[in-house]
C-alpha atoms as a PDB file:
ATOM      1  CA  MET A   1      -0.169   0.163  -0.040  1.00  0.00           C
ATOM      2  CA  ASP A   2       2.042   3.506  -0.545  1.00  0.00           C
ATOM      3  CA  ARG A   3       0.711   6.237   1.021  1.00  0.00           C
ATOM      4  CA  PRO A   4       1.485   9.659  -0.197  1.00  0.00           C
ATOM      5  CA  LEU A   5       3.885  12.462   1.230  1.00  0.00           C
ATOM      6  CA  VAL A   6       1.698  15.222   2.962  1.00  0.00           C
ATOM      7  CA  ALA A   7       2.949  17.963   4.197  1.00  0.00           C
ATOM      8  CA  LEU A   8       0.895  20.358   6.780  1.00  0.00           C
ATOM      9  CA  VAL A   9       1.282  24.004   7.116  1.00  0.00           C
ATOM     10  CA  LEU A  10       0.429  25.349  10.449  1.00  0.00           C
ATOM     11  CA  ALA A  11      -0.570  29.121   9.783  1.00  0.00           C
ATOM     12  CA  GLY A  12      -3.100  29.983  12.615  1.00  0.00           C
ATOM     13  CA  GLY A  13      -1.248  32.471  14.254  1.00  0.00           C
ATOM     14  CA  THR A  14      -2.656  35.742  15.735  1.00  0.00           C
ATOM     15  CA  GLY A  15      -0.569  38.431  14.961  1.00  0.00           C
ATOM     16  CA  THR A  16       0.676  39.088  18.503  1.00  0.00           C
ATOM     17  CA  ARG A  17       4.858  38.048  18.299  1.00  0.00           C
ATOM     18  CA  LEU A  18       5.684  39.954  15.146  1.00  0.00           C
ATOM     19  CA  PHE A  19       3.804  43.548  16.355  1.00  0.00           C
ATOM     20  CA  PRO A  20       3.500  45.936  15.028  1.00  0.00           C
ATOM     21  CA  ALA A  21       4.409  44.725  11.618  1.00  0.00           C
ATOM     22  CA  SER A  22       1.747  41.987  12.100  1.00  0.00           C
ATOM     23  CA  ARG A  23      -1.691  42.461  13.245  1.00  0.00           C
ATOM     24  CA  SER A  24      -4.806  40.431  14.463  1.00  0.00           C
ATOM     25  CA  ASP A  25      -6.404  41.651  10.727  1.00  0.00           C
ATOM     26  CA  ARG A  26      -3.176  40.582   9.016  1.00  0.00           C
ATOM     27  CA  PRO A  27      -1.117  38.111  10.988  1.00  0.00           C
ATOM     28  CA  LYS A  28       2.783  37.234   9.818  1.00  0.00           C
ATOM     29  CA  GLN A  29       2.156  33.909   7.635  1.00  0.00           C
ATOM     30  CA  PHE A  30       0.271  36.834   4.973  1.00  0.00           C
ATOM     31  CA  LEU A  31       3.308  39.434   5.251  1.00  0.00           C
ATOM     32  CA  ALA A  32       6.237  39.700   2.820  1.00  0.00           C
ATOM     33  CA  PHE A  33       9.513  39.781   4.429  1.00  0.00           C
ATOM     34  CA  GLY A  34      12.242  40.619   2.271  1.00  0.00           C
ATOM     35  CA  GLY A  35      10.633  39.828  -1.508  1.00  0.00           C
ATOM     36  CA  ASP A  36       7.254  39.758  -3.094  1.00  0.00           C
ATOM     37  CA  GLU A  37       6.220  36.391  -1.551  1.00  0.00           C
ATOM     38  CA  SER A  38       3.964  36.082   1.693  1.00  0.00           C
ATOM     39  CA  LEU A  39       5.569  33.827   4.356  1.00  0.00           C
ATOM     40  CA  LEU A  40       2.683  31.839   3.579  1.00  0.00           C
ATOM     41  CA  ALA A  41       3.857  31.506  -0.338  1.00  0.00           C
ATOM     42  CA  ARG A  42       7.174  30.893   0.665  1.00  0.00           C
ATOM     43  CA  THR A  43       6.828  28.054   2.888  1.00  0.00           C
ATOM     44  CA  VAL A  44       4.110  26.281   0.200  1.00  0.00           C
ATOM     45  CA  ASP A  45       6.990  26.346  -1.965  1.00  0.00           C
ATOM     46  CA  ARG A  46       9.590  24.521   0.394  1.00  0.00           C
ATOM     47  CA  VAL A  47       7.230  21.577   0.764  1.00  0.00           C
ATOM     48  CA  ALA A  48       6.468  21.543  -3.144  1.00  0.00           C
ATOM     49  CA  PHE A  49       8.119  17.793  -3.051  1.00  0.00           C
ATOM     50  CA  ALA A  50       4.905  16.369  -1.207  1.00  0.00           C
ATOM     51  CA  GLU A  51       2.009  15.145  -3.128  1.00  0.00           C
ATOM     52  CA  GLU A  52      -0.410  17.033  -1.114  1.00  0.00           C
ATOM     53  CA  THR A  53      -0.201  20.231   1.033  1.00  0.00           C
ATOM     54  CA  TYR A  54      -2.771  21.605   3.812  1.00  0.00           C
ATOM     55  CA  VAL A  55      -2.732  24.435   5.490  1.00  0.00           C
ATOM     56  CA  LEU A  56      -4.465  24.046   9.143  1.00  0.00           C
ATOM     57  CA  THR A  57      -5.311  27.721  10.269  1.00  0.00           C
ATOM     58  CA  ARG A  58      -8.379  29.351  11.745  1.00  0.00           C
ATOM     59  CA  GLU A  59     -12.027  29.787  10.137  1.00  0.00           C
ATOM     60  CA  ARG A  60     -11.511  33.807  10.126  1.00  0.00           C
ATOM     61  CA  PHE A  61      -8.127  33.082   7.840  1.00  0.00           C
ATOM     62  CA  ALA A  62      -9.815  30.214   5.410  1.00  0.00           C
ATOM     63  CA  ASP A  63     -10.619  32.229   2.656  1.00  0.00           C
ATOM     64  CA  ALA A  64      -7.141  34.162   2.181  1.00  0.00           C
ATOM     65  CA  ILE A  65      -5.136  31.147   2.092  1.00  0.00           C
ATOM     66  CA  HIS A  66      -5.921  30.996  -1.589  1.00  0.00           C
ATOM     67  CA  ASP A  67      -5.309  34.231  -2.502  1.00  0.00           C
ATOM     68  CA  HIS A  68      -1.497  32.973  -1.103  1.00  0.00           C
ATOM     69  CA  ALA A  69      -1.209  29.313  -1.758  1.00  0.00           C
ATOM     70  CA  PRO A  70      -3.429  27.893  -4.696  1.00  0.00           C
ATOM     71  CA  GLY A  71      -4.046  24.635  -4.841  1.00  0.00           C
ATOM     72  CA  VAL A  72      -3.831  23.470  -1.204  1.00  0.00           C
ATOM     73  CA  GLY A  73      -6.448  22.051   0.955  1.00  0.00           C
ATOM     74  CA  VAL A  74      -7.533  24.338   3.622  1.00  0.00           C
ATOM     75  CA  LEU A  75      -8.345  22.666   7.076  1.00  0.00           C
ATOM     76  CA  THR A  76      -9.924  24.808  10.079  1.00  0.00           C
ATOM     77  CA  GLU A  77      -9.185  24.181  14.062  1.00  0.00           C
ATOM     78  CA  PRO A  78     -12.305  24.957  15.661  1.00  0.00           C
ATOM     79  CA  GLU A  79     -10.450  27.048  18.433  1.00  0.00           C
ATOM     80  CA  PRO A  80      -6.994  28.085  18.758  1.00  0.00           C
ATOM     81  CA  LYS A  81      -4.720  25.328  20.175  1.00  0.00           C
ATOM     82  CA  ASP A  82      -1.588  27.701  20.793  1.00  0.00           C
ATOM     83  CA  THR A  83       0.030  24.392  18.066  1.00  0.00           C
ATOM     84  CA  GLY A  84       3.135  26.600  17.256  1.00  0.00           C
ATOM     85  CA  ARG A  85       4.178  27.231  20.436  1.00  0.00           C
ATOM     86  CA  ARG A  86       4.066  23.520  21.893  1.00  0.00           C
ATOM     87  CA  TYR A  87       5.938  22.464  18.695  1.00  0.00           C
ATOM     88  CA  SER A  88       8.829  24.887  19.191  1.00  0.00           C
ATOM     89  CA  THR A  89       9.360  24.498  22.395  1.00  0.00           C
ATOM     90  CA  SER A  90       9.324  20.230  22.165  1.00  0.00           C
ATOM     91  CA  TRP A  91      11.827  20.405  19.194  1.00  0.00           C
ATOM     92  CA  PRO A  92      15.176  18.966  20.653  1.00  0.00           C
ATOM     93  CA  THR A  93      17.804  22.502  21.397  1.00  0.00           C
ATOM     94  CA  TRP A  94      21.164  21.488  19.327  1.00  0.00           C
ATOM     95  CA  THR A  95      24.483  22.959  20.831  1.00  0.00           C
END
């Protein structure tokens, strides 16, 4: 049984960590830093090797995902889970 390689991009941020560049109405995933493409578009480009790509976001950002990453599947979380912080603190620290 072959399984497809699936990429899941987390893009549910609320725009608080990069204030004042990002705000609740324009979170960092939709901003472009050092180029023309948004962070979301650049991230989706980096996982282009995957056979399927999904973006996990908040319901209020779901419609904007395809403006930055056409062709991806969009998953929405019913309530915030702060997954970014959870993953960033679980990664090993390399010294």
